[in-house]
């Protein structure tokens, strides 16, 4: 017996309302960090980050190296998350 395909057509509106990942699997945190302008700061809460092995500072370092930007990343002492500031 043949399996049914799970593919289906989407409307433009459906596509825009879903949390798609870009080329290279960029995450919501990646997109937030890369979209910062000089002087902007974001707070990344543990719920945003999930249970990944490495902290968001790894992503900030990767972006800084690849896109020639500079970030300052600090971790909250109370475990409330990480602050990322774009400085250059």
PDB file of N, CA and C in Angstrom:
ATOM      1  N   UNK A   1       0.841  -1.178   0.000  1.00  0.00           N
ATOM      2  CA  UNK A   1       0.000   0.000   0.000  1.00  0.00           C
ATOM      3  C   UNK A   1       0.892   1.249   0.000  1.00  0.00           C
ATOM      4  N   UNK A   2       0.595   2.212  -0.831  1.00  0.00           N
ATOM      5  CA  UNK A   2       1.393   3.435  -0.955  1.00  0.00           C
ATOM      6  C   UNK A   2       1.077   4.403   0.182  1.00  0.00           C
ATOM      7  N   UNK A   3       2.140   5.099   0.633  1.00  0.00           N
ATOM      8  CA  UNK A   3       1.945   6.091   1.685  1.00  0.00           C
ATOM      9  C   UNK A   3       1.433   7.382   1.077  1.00  0.00           C
ATOM     10  N   UNK A   4       0.631   8.090   1.846  1.00  0.00           N
ATOM     11  CA  UNK A   4       0.144   9.381   1.397  1.00  0.00           C
ATOM     12  C   UNK A   4       1.192  10.448   1.692  1.00  0.00           C
ATOM     13  N   UNK A   5       1.314  11.407   0.816  1.00  0.00           N
ATOM     14  CA  UNK A   5       2.259  12.504   0.991  1.00  0.00           C
ATOM     15  C   UNK A   5       1.712  13.491   2.022  1.00  0.00           C
ATOM     16  N   UNK A   6       2.585  14.013   2.870  1.00  0.00           N
ATOM     17  CA  UNK A   6       2.176  14.982   3.886  1.00  0.00           C
ATOM     18  C   UNK A   6       2.273  16.412   3.359  1.00  0.00           C
ATOM     19  N   UNK A   7       2.715  16.574   2.115  1.00  0.00           N
ATOM     20  CA  UNK A   7       2.858  17.921   1.566  1.00  0.00           C
ATOM     21  C   UNK A   7       1.495  18.512   1.248  1.00  0.00           C
ATOM     22  N   UNK A   8       1.400  19.832   1.450  1.00  0.00           N
ATOM     23  CA  UNK A   8       0.174  20.525   1.088  1.00  0.00           C
ATOM     24  C   UNK A   8       0.512  21.939   0.651  1.00  0.00           C
ATOM     25  N   UNK A   9      -0.387  22.555  -0.048  1.00  0.00           N
ATOM     26  CA  UNK A   9      -0.181  23.921  -0.516  1.00  0.00           C
ATOM     27  C   UNK A   9      -0.493  24.898   0.609  1.00  0.00           C
ATOM     28  N   UNK A  10       0.280  26.003   0.642  1.00  0.00           N
ATOM     29  CA  UNK A  10       0.070  27.060   1.623  1.00  0.00           C
ATOM     30  C   UNK A  10      -0.318  28.344   0.921  1.00  0.00           C
ATOM     31  N   UNK A  11      -1.061  29.166   1.616  1.00  0.00           N
ATOM     32  CA  UNK A  11      -1.329  30.507   1.103  1.00  0.00           C
ATOM     33  C   UNK A  11      -0.183  31.403   1.537  1.00  0.00           C
ATOM     34  N   UNK A  12      -0.063  32.535   0.917  1.00  0.00           N
ATOM     35  CA  UNK A  12       0.981  33.514   1.281  1.00  0.00           C
ATOM     36  C   UNK A  12       0.816  33.916   2.746  1.00  0.00           C
ATOM     37  N   UNK A  13      -0.418  34.108   3.180  1.00  0.00           N
ATOM     38  CA  UNK A  13      -0.704  34.494   4.565  1.00  0.00           C
ATOM     39  C   UNK A  13      -0.263  33.409   5.547  1.00  0.00           C
ATOM     40  N   UNK A  14      -0.546  32.144   5.217  1.00  0.00           N
ATOM     41  CA  UNK A  14      -0.104  31.026   6.059  1.00  0.00           C
ATOM     42  C   UNK A  14       1.417  31.007   6.184  1.00  0.00           C
ATOM     43  N   UNK A  15       2.095  31.237   5.081  1.00  0.00           N
ATOM     44  CA  UNK A  15       3.550  31.206   5.082  1.00  0.00           C
ATOM     45  C   UNK A  15       4.121  32.326   5.961  1.00  0.00           C
ATOM     46  N   UNK A  16       3.537  33.513   5.873  1.00  0.00           N
ATOM     47  CA  UNK A  16       4.038  34.650   6.648  1.00  0.00           C
ATOM     48  C   UNK A  16       3.756  34.510   8.141  1.00  0.00           C
ATOM     49  N   UNK A  17       2.744  33.733   8.513  1.00  0.00           N
ATOM     50  CA  UNK A  17       2.386  33.573   9.922  1.00  0.00           C
ATOM     51  C   UNK A  17       3.148  32.460  10.630  1.00  0.00           C
ATOM     52  N   UNK A  18       3.926  31.696   9.894  1.00  0.00           N
ATOM     53  CA  UNK A  18       4.684  30.598  10.495  1.00  0.00           C
ATOM     54  C   UNK A  18       6.105  31.048  10.839  1.00  0.00           C
ATOM     55  N   UNK A  19       6.716  30.459  11.873  1.00  0.00           N
ATOM     56  CA  UNK A  19       8.090  30.839  12.267  1.00  0.00           C
ATOM     57  C   UNK A  19       9.148  30.107  11.443  1.00  0.00           C
ATOM     58  N   UNK A  20       9.334  30.504  10.197  1.00  0.00           N
ATOM     59  CA  UNK A  20      10.283  29.832   9.313  1.00  0.00           C
ATOM     60  C   UNK A  20      11.700  30.159   9.690  1.00  0.00           C
ATOM     61  N   UNK A  21      12.595  29.241   9.368  1.00  0.00           N
ATOM     62  CA  UNK A  21      14.015  29.440   9.594  1.00  0.00           C
ATOM     63  C   UNK A  21      14.663  29.715   8.251  1.00  0.00           C
ATOM     64  N   UNK A  22      15.597  30.646   8.253  1.00  0.00           N
ATOM     65  CA  UNK A  22      16.242  31.028   7.007  1.00  0.00           C
ATOM     66  C   UNK A  22      17.333  30.067   6.588  1.00  0.00           C
ATOM     67  N   UNK A  23      18.050  30.447   5.567  1.00  0.00           N
ATOM     68  CA  UNK A  23      19.148  29.645   5.043  1.00  0.00           C
ATOM     69  C   UNK A  23      20.154  29.397   6.165  1.00  0.00           C
ATOM     70  N   UNK A  24      20.613  28.192   6.301  1.00  0.00           N
ATOM     71  CA  UNK A  24      21.571  27.872   7.346  1.00  0.00           C
ATOM     72  C   UNK A  24      20.891  27.611   8.675  1.00  0.00           C
ATOM     73  N   UNK A  25      19.585  27.566   8.710  1.00  0.00           N
ATOM     74  CA  UNK A  25      18.869  27.251   9.937  1.00  0.00           C
ATOM     75  C   UNK A  25      18.924  28.356  10.962  1.00  0.00           C
ATOM     76  N   UNK A  26      18.901  29.618  10.546  1.00  0.00           N
ATOM     77  CA  UNK A  26      18.994  30.705  11.508  1.00  0.00           C
ATOM     78  C   UNK A  26      17.785  30.695  12.439  1.00  0.00           C
ATOM     79  N   UNK A  27      18.044  30.914  13.690  1.00  0.00           N
ATOM     80  CA  UNK A  27      17.003  30.870  14.703  1.00  0.00           C
ATOM     81  C   UNK A  27      16.445  32.261  14.977  1.00  0.00           C
ATOM     82  N   UNK A  28      15.431  32.308  15.814  1.00  0.00           N
ATOM     83  CA  UNK A  28      14.837  33.579  16.230  1.00  0.00           C
ATOM     84  C   UNK A  28      15.893  34.443  16.913  1.00  0.00           C
ATOM     85  N   UNK A  29      16.751  33.834  17.721  1.00  0.00           N
ATOM     86  CA  UNK A  29      17.809  34.565  18.427  1.00  0.00           C
ATOM     87  C   UNK A  29      18.831  35.105  17.429  1.00  0.00           C
ATOM     88  N   UNK A  30      19.221  34.300  16.455  1.00  0.00           N
ATOM     89  CA  UNK A  30      20.160  34.737  15.421  1.00  0.00           C
ATOM     90  C   UNK A  30      19.612  35.959  14.704  1.00  0.00           C
ATOM     91  N   UNK A  31      18.365  35.878  14.288  1.00  0.00           N
ATOM     92  CA  UNK A  31      17.749  36.995  13.558  1.00  0.00           C
ATOM     93  C   UNK A  31      17.662  38.245  14.429  1.00  0.00           C
ATOM     94  N   UNK A  32      17.392  38.077  15.728  1.00  0.00           N
ATOM     95  CA  UNK A  32      17.305  39.223  16.632  1.00  0.00           C
ATOM     96  C   UNK A  32      18.669  39.889  16.806  1.00  0.00           C
ATOM     97  N   UNK A  33      19.716  39.081  16.950  1.00  0.00           N
ATOM     98  CA  UNK A  33      21.061  39.636  17.142  1.00  0.00           C
ATOM     99  C   UNK A  33      21.550  40.328  15.878  1.00  0.00           C
ATOM    100  N   UNK A  34      21.353  39.709  14.738  1.00  0.00           N
ATOM    101  CA  UNK A  34      21.867  40.286  13.494  1.00  0.00           C
ATOM    102  C   UNK A  34      21.116  41.553  13.092  1.00  0.00           C
ATOM    103  N   UNK A  35      19.890  41.715  13.555  1.00  0.00           N
ATOM    104  CA  UNK A  35      19.114  42.902  13.193  1.00  0.00           C
ATOM    105  C   UNK A  35      19.356  44.089  14.130  1.00  0.00           C
ATOM    106  N   UNK A  36      20.191  43.912  15.161  1.00  0.00           N
ATOM    107  CA  UNK A  36      20.480  45.018  16.070  1.00  0.00           C
ATOM    108  C   UNK A  36      21.251  46.121  15.352  1.00  0.00           C
ATOM    109  N   UNK A  37      20.918  47.365  15.667  1.00  0.00           N
ATOM    110  CA  UNK A  37      21.703  48.493  15.176  1.00  0.00           C
ATOM    111  C   UNK A  37      22.640  48.921  16.293  1.00  0.00           C
ATOM    112  N   UNK A  38      23.636  49.718  15.970  1.00  0.00           N
ATOM    113  CA  UNK A  38      24.628  50.147  16.956  1.00  0.00           C
ATOM    114  C   UNK A  38      23.928  50.856  18.115  1.00  0.00           C
ATOM    115  N   UNK A  39      24.222  50.398  19.335  1.00  0.00           N
ATOM    116  CA  UNK A  39      23.637  50.984  20.537  1.00  0.00           C
ATOM    117  C   UNK A  39      22.414  50.241  21.050  1.00  0.00           C
ATOM    118  N   UNK A  40      21.828  49.363  20.259  1.00  0.00           N
ATOM    119  CA  UNK A  40      20.658  48.604  20.705  1.00  0.00           C
ATOM    120  C   UNK A  40      21.078  47.423  21.568  1.00  0.00           C
ATOM    121  N   UNK A  41      20.225  47.080  22.522  1.00  0.00           N
ATOM    122  CA  UNK A  41      20.476  45.968  23.427  1.00  0.00           C
ATOM    123  C   UNK A  41      19.222  45.099  23.469  1.00  0.00           C
ATOM    124  N   UNK A  42      19.411  43.770  23.456  1.00  0.00           N
ATOM    125  CA  UNK A  42      18.280  42.858  23.619  1.00  0.00           C
ATOM    126  C   UNK A  42      18.541  41.946  24.808  1.00  0.00           C
ATOM    127  N   UNK A  43      17.463  41.508  25.416  1.00  0.00           N
ATOM    128  CA  UNK A  43      17.532  40.522  26.485  1.00  0.00           C
ATOM    129  C   UNK A  43      17.018  39.210  25.926  1.00  0.00           C
ATOM    130  N   UNK A  44      17.855  38.197  25.986  1.00  0.00           N
ATOM    131  CA  UNK A  44      17.466  36.860  25.528  1.00  0.00           C
ATOM    132  C   UNK A  44      17.173  36.041  26.773  1.00  0.00           C
ATOM    133  N   UNK A  45      15.922  35.687  26.969  1.00  0.00           N
ATOM    134  CA  UNK A  45      15.524  34.931  28.146  1.00  0.00           C
ATOM    135  C   UNK A  45      15.756  33.437  27.911  1.00  0.00           C
ATOM    136  N   UNK A  46      15.919  32.676  28.984  1.00  0.00           N
ATOM    137  CA  UNK A  46      16.139  31.237  28.835  1.00  0.00           C
ATOM    138  C   UNK A  46      15.042  30.536  28.031  1.00  0.00           C
ATOM    139  N   UNK A  47      13.803  31.022  28.111  1.00  0.00           N
ATOM    140  CA  UNK A  47      12.721  30.407  27.328  1.00  0.00           C
ATOM    141  C   UNK A  47      12.921  30.638  25.830  1.00  0.00           C
ATOM    142  N   UNK A  48      13.533  31.780  25.469  1.00  0.00           N
ATOM    143  CA  UNK A  48      13.842  32.057  24.058  1.00  0.00           C
ATOM    144  C   UNK A  48      14.970  31.155  23.572  1.00  0.00           C
ATOM    145  N   UNK A  49      15.902  30.860  24.444  1.00  0.00           N
ATOM    146  CA  UNK A  49      17.092  30.110  24.066  1.00  0.00           C
ATOM    147  C   UNK A  49      16.867  28.604  24.088  1.00  0.00           C
ATOM    148  N   UNK A  50      16.075  28.132  25.017  1.00  0.00           N
ATOM    149  CA  UNK A  50      15.811  26.698  25.101  1.00  0.00           C
ATOM    150  C   UNK A  50      16.914  25.952  25.836  1.00  0.00           C
ATOM    151  N   UNK A  51      17.100  24.699  25.470  1.00  0.00           N
ATOM    152  CA  UNK A  51      18.057  23.850  26.174  1.00  0.00           C
ATOM    153  C   UNK A  51      19.309  23.579  25.344  1.00  0.00           C
ATOM    154  N   UNK A  52      19.728  24.548  24.586  1.00  0.00           N
ATOM    155  CA  UNK A  52      20.921  24.354  23.757  1.00  0.00           C
ATOM    156  C   UNK A  52      22.163  24.247  24.631  1.00  0.00           C
ATOM    157  N   UNK A  53      23.164  23.603  24.104  1.00  0.00           N
ATOM    158  CA  UNK A  53      24.385  23.342  24.857  1.00  0.00           C
ATOM    159  C   UNK A  53      25.184  24.612  25.140  1.00  0.00           C
ATOM    160  N   UNK A  54      25.309  25.485  24.148  1.00  0.00           N
ATOM    161  CA  UNK A  54      26.128  26.686  24.287  1.00  0.00           C
ATOM    162  C   UNK A  54      25.260  27.925  24.457  1.00  0.00           C
ATOM    163  N   UNK A  55      25.753  28.958  25.135  1.00  0.00           N
ATOM    164  CA  UNK A  55      24.975  30.189  25.356  1.00  0.00           C
ATOM    165  C   UNK A  55      24.897  31.061  24.096  1.00  0.00           C
ATOM    166  N   UNK A  56      24.023  32.076  24.098  1.00  0.00           N
ATOM    167  CA  UNK A  56      23.876  32.961  22.938  1.00  0.00           C
ATOM    168  C   UNK A  56      25.149  33.727  22.586  1.00  0.00           C
ATOM    169  N   UNK A  57      26.088  33.825  23.506  1.00  0.00           N
ATOM    170  CA  UNK A  57      27.336  34.530  23.201  1.00  0.00           C
ATOM    171  C   UNK A  57      28.080  33.847  22.047  1.00  0.00           C
ATOM    172  N   UNK A  58      27.885  32.552  21.859  1.00  0.00           N
ATOM    173  CA  UNK A  58      28.503  31.849  20.734  1.00  0.00           C
ATOM    174  C   UNK A  58      27.942  32.368  19.412  1.00  0.00           C
ATOM    175  N   UNK A  59      26.651  32.595  19.377  1.00  0.00           N
ATOM    176  CA  UNK A  59      26.023  33.124  18.155  1.00  0.00           C
ATOM    177  C   UNK A  59      26.506  34.544  17.908  1.00  0.00           C
ATOM    178  N   UNK A  60      26.585  35.349  18.968  1.00  0.00           N
ATOM    179  CA  UNK A  60      27.050  36.732  18.826  1.00  0.00           C
ATOM    180  C   UNK A  60      28.491  36.760  18.303  1.00  0.00           C
ATOM    181  N   UNK A  61      29.329  35.866  18.798  1.00  0.00           N
ATOM    182  CA  UNK A  61      30.718  35.791  18.319  1.00  0.00           C
ATOM    183  C   UNK A  61      30.782  35.368  16.852  1.00  0.00           C
ATOM    184  N   UNK A  62      29.953  34.413  16.483  1.00  0.00           N
ATOM    185  CA  UNK A  62      29.914  33.963  15.090  1.00  0.00           C
ATOM    186  C   UNK A  62      29.503  35.113  14.168  1.00  0.00           C
ATOM    187  N   UNK A  63      28.452  35.835  14.547  1.00  0.00           N
ATOM    188  CA  UNK A  63      27.976  36.958  13.733  1.00  0.00           C
ATOM    189  C   UNK A  63      29.045  38.039  13.657  1.00  0.00           C
ATOM    190  N   UNK A  64      29.694  38.325  14.793  1.00  0.00           N
ATOM    191  CA  UNK A  64      30.740  39.351  14.828  1.00  0.00           C
ATOM    192  C   UNK A  64      31.871  39.008  13.869  1.00  0.00           C
ATOM    193  N   UNK A  65      32.257  37.759  13.860  1.00  0.00           N
ATOM    194  CA  UNK A  65      33.362  37.320  13.007  1.00  0.00           C
ATOM    195  C   UNK A  65      32.974  37.319  11.534  1.00  0.00           C
ATOM    196  N   UNK A  66      31.803  36.777  11.240  1.00  0.00           N
ATOM    197  CA  UNK A  66      31.383  36.637   9.847  1.00  0.00           C
ATOM    198  C   UNK A  66      30.950  37.960   9.217  1.00  0.00           C
ATOM    199  N   UNK A  67      30.294  38.817   9.981  1.00  0.00           N
ATOM    200  CA  UNK A  67      29.724  40.048   9.433  1.00  0.00           C
ATOM    201  C   UNK A  67      30.458  41.304   9.874  1.00  0.00           C
ATOM    202  N   UNK A  68      31.621  41.152  10.510  1.00  0.00           N
ATOM    203  CA  UNK A  68      32.463  42.288  10.920  1.00  0.00           C
ATOM    204  C   UNK A  68      31.698  43.278  11.797  1.00  0.00           C
ATOM    205  N   UNK A  69      31.072  42.763  12.846  1.00  0.00           N
ATOM    206  CA  UNK A  69      30.344  43.589  13.812  1.00  0.00           C
ATOM    207  C   UNK A  69      30.919  43.321  15.190  1.00  0.00           C
ATOM    208  N   UNK A  70      30.568  44.160  16.152  1.00  0.00           N
ATOM    209  CA  UNK A  70      31.078  43.966  17.502  1.00  0.00           C
ATOM    210  C   UNK A  70      29.913  43.965  18.490  1.00  0.00           C
ATOM    211  N   UNK A  71      29.927  42.972  19.376  1.00  0.00           N
ATOM    212  CA  UNK A  71      28.874  42.834  20.376  1.00  0.00           C
ATOM    213  C   UNK A  71      29.481  42.675  21.759  1.00  0.00           C
ATOM    214  N   UNK A  72      28.726  43.106  22.754  1.00  0.00           N
ATOM    215  CA  UNK A  72      29.054  42.830  24.147  1.00  0.00           C
ATOM    216  C   UNK A  72      27.932  41.943  24.671  1.00  0.00           C
ATOM    217  N   UNK A  73      28.306  40.786  25.203  1.00  0.00           N
ATOM    218  CA  UNK A  73      27.321  39.830  25.702  1.00  0.00           C
ATOM    219  C   UNK A  73      27.555  39.602  27.187  1.00  0.00           C
ATOM    220  N   UNK A  74      26.517  39.771  27.983  1.00  0.00           N
ATOM    221  CA  UNK A  74      26.596  39.568  29.424  1.00  0.00           C
ATOM    222  C   UNK A  74      25.519  38.604  29.874  1.00  0.00           C
ATOM    223  N   UNK A  75      25.844  37.809  30.877  1.00  0.00           N
ATOM    224  CA  UNK A  75      24.870  36.883  31.438  1.00  0.00           C
ATOM    225  C   UNK A  75      24.355  37.436  32.754  1.00  0.00           C
ATOM    226  N   UNK A  76      23.066  37.358  32.964  1.00  0.00           N
ATOM    227  CA  UNK A  76      22.456  37.852  34.195  1.00  0.00           C
ATOM    228  C   UNK A  76      22.837  36.933  35.355  1.00  0.00           C
ATOM    229  N   UNK A  77      23.257  37.514  36.470  1.00  0.00           N
ATOM    230  CA  UNK A  77      23.705  36.727  37.619  1.00  0.00           C
ATOM    231  C   UNK A  77      22.585  35.877  38.219  1.00  0.00           C
ATOM    232  N   UNK A  78      21.348  36.339  38.090  1.00  0.00           N
ATOM    233  CA  UNK A  78      20.211  35.602  38.629  1.00  0.00           C
ATOM    234  C   UNK A  78      19.656  34.558  37.685  1.00  0.00           C
ATOM    235  N   UNK A  79      20.297  34.376  36.534  1.00  0.00           N
ATOM    236  CA  UNK A  79      19.845  33.374  35.581  1.00  0.00           C
ATOM    237  C   UNK A  79      18.646  33.802  34.760  1.00  0.00           C
ATOM    238  N   UNK A  80      18.399  35.111  34.666  1.00  0.00           N
ATOM    239  CA  UNK A  80      17.237  35.598  33.918  1.00  0.00           C
ATOM    240  C   UNK A  80      17.499  35.709  32.420  1.00  0.00           C
ATOM    241  N   UNK A  81      18.724  35.437  31.985  1.00  0.00           N
ATOM    242  CA  UNK A  81      19.005  35.469  30.559  1.00  0.00           C
ATOM    243  C   UNK A  81      20.319  36.141  30.237  1.00  0.00           C
ATOM    244  N   UNK A  82      20.430  36.598  28.973  1.00  0.00           N
ATOM    245  CA  UNK A  82      21.637  37.209  28.476  1.00  0.00           C
ATOM    246  C   UNK A  82      21.285  38.537  27.817  1.00  0.00           C
ATOM    247  N   UNK A  83      22.157  39.521  27.988  1.00  0.00           N
ATOM    248  CA  UNK A  83      21.999  40.806  27.315  1.00  0.00           C
ATOM    249  C   UNK A  83      23.039  40.867  26.209  1.00  0.00           C
ATOM    250  N   UNK A  84      22.604  41.263  25.022  1.00  0.00           N
ATOM    251  CA  UNK A  84      23.502  41.408  23.891  1.00  0.00           C
ATOM    252  C   UNK A  84      23.366  42.835  23.373  1.00  0.00           C
ATOM    253  N   UNK A  85      24.499  43.532  23.326  1.00  0.00           N
ATOM    254  CA  UNK A  85      24.519  44.916  22.843  1.00  0.00           C
ATOM    255  C   UNK A  85      25.423  44.990  21.620  1.00  0.00           C
ATOM    256  N   UNK A  86      24.949  45.678  20.593  1.00  0.00           N
ATOM    257  CA  UNK A  86      25.810  45.904  19.425  1.00  0.00           C
ATOM    258  C   UNK A  86      26.553  47.203  19.649  1.00  0.00           C
ATOM    259  N   UNK A  87      27.884  47.140  19.602  1.00  0.00           N
ATOM    260  CA  UNK A  87      28.693  48.328  19.852  1.00  0.00           C
ATOM    261  C   UNK A  87      29.365  48.872  18.588  1.00  0.00           C
ATOM    262  N   UNK A  88      29.459  48.090  17.547  1.00  0.00           N
ATOM    263  CA  UNK A  88      30.031  48.553  16.276  1.00  0.00           C
ATOM    264  C   UNK A  88      29.314  47.943  15.111  1.00  0.00           C
TER     265      UNK A  88
END
